[in-house]
Amino acid sequence: MKIKTIINDIIFNTTVEDNLSAKEFLEILPLSVYMNKEKDSYSHFINYKLDKNETANHKLGIGDILLEGNNKIVIVTSTNSTDKKYTKIASIDNPENLEQILDINEKPVRFENKD
């Protein structure tokens, strides 16, 4: 399934994973959040608790949208490996310039169903 991730009015097509966490994420859309910069990602705690199916020791890709714990949404901005546990809920299809766009983001990141 596809959704839209909108950052600074730029629309990114996003592919949603086939797992319970992703299905629950779809149920709370549309969702707008202000993301906080971290080392290799941006994140935001949401007011919902989603099911988690965490895995560790996996490689993260630019544009991966992850659930940390059961209520923190993370957008990955650089490829890396981690021991942290995440549940992958989606991936931005073409994440070119994603970090630069998030760096200048003055509006909330919006996740919404694709029309």
C-alpha atoms as a PDB file:
ATOM      1  CA  MET A   1       0.000   0.000   0.000  1.00  0.00           C
ATOM      2  CA  LYS A   2       1.142   3.543  -0.710  1.00  0.00           C
ATOM      3  CA  ILE A   3       0.731   6.716   1.333  1.00  0.00           C
ATOM      4  CA  LYS A   4       2.070  10.250   0.970  1.00  0.00           C
ATOM      5  CA  THR A   5       4.695  11.760   3.237  1.00  0.00           C
ATOM      6  CA  ILE A   6       4.625  15.540   2.836  1.00  0.00           C
ATOM      7  CA  ILE A   7       7.587  17.632   3.985  1.00  0.00           C
ATOM      8  CA  ASN A   8       7.712  21.376   3.210  1.00  0.00           C
ATOM      9  CA  ASP A   9       4.973  20.859   0.615  1.00  0.00           C
ATOM     10  CA  ILE A  10       7.096  18.228  -1.177  1.00  0.00           C
ATOM     11  CA  ILE A  11       5.208  14.975  -1.629  1.00  0.00           C
ATOM     12  CA  PHE A  12       7.110  11.710  -1.213  1.00  0.00           C
ATOM     13  CA  ASN A  13       5.410   8.489  -2.263  1.00  0.00           C
ATOM     14  CA  THR A  14       5.832   6.022   0.571  1.00  0.00           C
ATOM     15  CA  THR A  15       5.431   2.245   0.639  1.00  0.00           C
ATOM     16  CA  VAL A  16       3.860   0.835   3.801  1.00  0.00           C
ATOM     17  CA  GLU A  17       5.063  -2.460   5.279  1.00  0.00           C
ATOM     18  CA  ASP A  18       2.736  -5.430   5.681  1.00  0.00           C
ATOM     19  CA  ASN A  19       2.650  -5.779   9.475  1.00  0.00           C
ATOM     20  CA  LEU A  20       0.293  -4.984  12.342  1.00  0.00           C
ATOM     21  CA  SER A  21       2.171  -1.825  13.355  1.00  0.00           C
ATOM     22  CA  ALA A  22       1.911  -0.432   9.833  1.00  0.00           C
ATOM     23  CA  LYS A  23      -1.797  -1.259   9.659  1.00  0.00           C
ATOM     24  CA  GLU A  24      -2.383   0.546  12.953  1.00  0.00           C
ATOM     25  CA  PHE A  25      -0.335   3.495  11.646  1.00  0.00           C
ATOM     26  CA  LEU A  26      -2.650   3.683   8.614  1.00  0.00           C
ATOM     27  CA  GLU A  27      -5.653   3.889  10.946  1.00  0.00           C
ATOM     28  CA  ILE A  28      -4.390   7.126  12.552  1.00  0.00           C
ATOM     29  CA  LEU A  29      -3.809   8.932   9.243  1.00  0.00           C
ATOM     30  CA  PRO A  30      -3.820  11.756   8.411  1.00  0.00           C
ATOM     31  CA  LEU A  31      -1.123  12.601  10.947  1.00  0.00           C
ATOM     32  CA  SER A  32       0.915  15.814  11.202  1.00  0.00           C
ATOM     33  CA  VAL A  33       3.986  15.981  13.465  1.00  0.00           C
ATOM     34  CA  TYR A  34       6.931  18.296  14.049  1.00  0.00           C
ATOM     35  CA  MET A  35      10.077  16.172  13.829  1.00  0.00           C
ATOM     36  CA  ASN A  36      13.116  16.605  16.106  1.00  0.00           C
ATOM     37  CA  LYS A  37      16.597  16.124  14.684  1.00  0.00           C
ATOM     38  CA  GLU A  38      18.674  13.280  16.085  1.00  0.00           C
ATOM     39  CA  LYS A  39      22.042  11.884  14.953  1.00  0.00           C
ATOM     40  CA  ASP A  40      20.974  10.030  11.787  1.00  0.00           C
ATOM     41  CA  SER A  41      17.246  10.628  11.859  1.00  0.00           C
ATOM     42  CA  TYR A  42      14.291  12.793  12.796  1.00  0.00           C
ATOM     43  CA  SER A  43      11.706  11.668  15.307  1.00  0.00           C
ATOM     44  CA  HIS A  44       8.498  12.543  17.115  1.00  0.00           C
ATOM     45  CA  PHE A  45       6.510  10.922  19.922  1.00  0.00           C
ATOM     46  CA  ILE A  46       2.879  10.435  18.918  1.00  0.00           C
ATOM     47  CA  ASN A  47      -0.195  10.341  21.146  1.00  0.00           C
ATOM     48  CA  TYR A  48      -0.997   6.789  20.069  1.00  0.00           C
ATOM     49  CA  LYS A  49       0.393   3.448  21.148  1.00  0.00           C
ATOM     50  CA  LEU A  50       0.925   1.132  18.216  1.00  0.00           C
ATOM     51  CA  ASP A  51       1.679  -2.574  18.241  1.00  0.00           C
ATOM     52  CA  LYS A  52       5.398  -3.239  18.002  1.00  0.00           C
ATOM     53  CA  ASN A  53       7.325  -6.057  16.402  1.00  0.00           C
ATOM     54  CA  GLU A  54      10.845  -4.856  17.051  1.00  0.00           C
ATOM     55  CA  THR A  55      13.953  -6.301  15.495  1.00  0.00           C
ATOM     56  CA  ALA A  56      17.576  -5.419  16.216  1.00  0.00           C
ATOM     57  CA  ASN A  57      20.858  -5.531  14.322  1.00  0.00           C
ATOM     58  CA  HIS A  58      19.423  -4.508  11.023  1.00  0.00           C
ATOM     59  CA  LYS A  59      20.605  -2.067   8.427  1.00  0.00           C
ATOM     60  CA  LEU A  60      18.655   1.173   8.231  1.00  0.00           C
ATOM     61  CA  GLY A  61      18.152   2.899   4.900  1.00  0.00           C
ATOM     62  CA  ILE A  62      17.561   6.532   4.050  1.00  0.00           C
ATOM     63  CA  GLY A  63      13.822   7.139   4.059  1.00  0.00           C
ATOM     64  CA  ASP A  64      12.921   4.249   6.349  1.00  0.00           C
ATOM     65  CA  ILE A  65      10.020   5.162   8.624  1.00  0.00           C
ATOM     66  CA  LEU A  66      10.275   3.264  11.881  1.00  0.00           C
ATOM     67  CA  LEU A  67       8.438   2.830  15.129  1.00  0.00           C
ATOM     68  CA  GLU A  68      10.682   2.996  18.188  1.00  0.00           C
ATOM     69  CA  GLY A  69       8.960   1.541  21.217  1.00  0.00           C
ATOM     70  CA  ASN A  70       5.248   1.845  20.609  1.00  0.00           C
ATOM     71  CA  ASN A  71       4.838   5.601  20.160  1.00  0.00           C
ATOM     72  CA  LYS A  72       7.901   7.207  18.540  1.00  0.00           C
ATOM     73  CA  ILE A  73       7.984   7.720  14.772  1.00  0.00           C
ATOM     74  CA  VAL A  74      11.490   7.896  13.264  1.00  0.00           C
ATOM     75  CA  ILE A  75      12.513   8.930   9.737  1.00  0.00           C
ATOM     76  CA  VAL A  76      16.038   7.720   8.892  1.00  0.00           C
ATOM     77  CA  THR A  77      18.287  10.200   7.033  1.00  0.00           C
ATOM     78  CA  SER A  78      21.483   8.170   6.565  1.00  0.00           C
ATOM     79  CA  THR A  79      22.254   4.521   5.905  1.00  0.00           C
ATOM     80  CA  ASN A  80      23.627   2.807   8.990  1.00  0.00           C
ATOM     81  CA  SER A  81      23.458  -0.269  11.170  1.00  0.00           C
ATOM     82  CA  THR A  82      22.125  -0.214  14.698  1.00  0.00           C
ATOM     83  CA  ASP A  83      21.569  -2.347  17.749  1.00  0.00           C
ATOM     84  CA  LYS A  84      18.469  -0.330  18.640  1.00  0.00           C
ATOM     85  CA  LYS A  85      15.185  -2.123  18.232  1.00  0.00           C
ATOM     86  CA  TYR A  86      12.667  -0.763  15.737  1.00  0.00           C
ATOM     87  CA  THR A  87       9.555  -1.850  13.905  1.00  0.00           C
ATOM     88  CA  LYS A  88       9.679  -0.847  10.255  1.00  0.00           C
ATOM     89  CA  ILE A  89       6.376   0.665   9.187  1.00  0.00           C
ATOM     90  CA  ALA A  90       7.194   2.235   5.803  1.00  0.00           C
ATOM     91  CA  SER A  91       9.863   3.495   3.392  1.00  0.00           C
ATOM     92  CA  ILE A  92       9.941   6.669   1.340  1.00  0.00           C
ATOM     93  CA  ASP A  93      10.292   5.495  -2.268  1.00  0.00           C
ATOM     94  CA  ASN A  94      12.665   8.211  -3.541  1.00  0.00           C
ATOM     95  CA  PRO A  95      14.335   9.865  -0.548  1.00  0.00           C
ATOM     96  CA  GLU A  96      16.697  12.132  -2.520  1.00  0.00           C
ATOM     97  CA  ASN A  97      17.566  15.298  -0.565  1.00  0.00           C
ATOM     98  CA  LEU A  98      15.474  14.061   2.373  1.00  0.00           C
ATOM     99  CA  GLU A  99      17.866  15.261   5.075  1.00  0.00           C
ATOM    100  CA  GLN A 100      18.191  18.732   3.534  1.00  0.00           C
ATOM    101  CA  ILE A 101      14.416  19.048   3.215  1.00  0.00           C
ATOM    102  CA  LEU A 102      13.897  17.951   6.827  1.00  0.00           C
ATOM    103  CA  ASP A 103      16.660  20.351   7.973  1.00  0.00           C
ATOM    104  CA  ILE A 104      14.758  23.358   6.624  1.00  0.00           C
ATOM    105  CA  ASN A 105      11.328  22.042   7.543  1.00  0.00           C
ATOM    106  CA  GLU A 106       9.144  24.813   8.936  1.00  0.00           C
ATOM    107  CA  LYS A 107       5.895  22.875   8.753  1.00  0.00           C
ATOM    108  CA  PRO A 108       4.868  19.609  10.321  1.00  0.00           C
ATOM    109  CA  VAL A 109       5.638  16.411   8.444  1.00  0.00           C
ATOM    110  CA  ARG A 110       2.327  15.048   7.246  1.00  0.00           C
ATOM    111  CA  PHE A 111       1.492  11.430   6.566  1.00  0.00           C
ATOM    112  CA  GLU A 112      -1.727  10.836   4.650  1.00  0.00           C
ATOM    113  CA  ASN A 113      -3.479   8.284   2.516  1.00  0.00           C
ATOM    114  CA  LYS A 114      -2.808   8.450  -1.187  1.00  0.00           C
ATOM    115  CA  ASP A 115      -5.778   9.611  -3.252  1.00  0.00           C
END
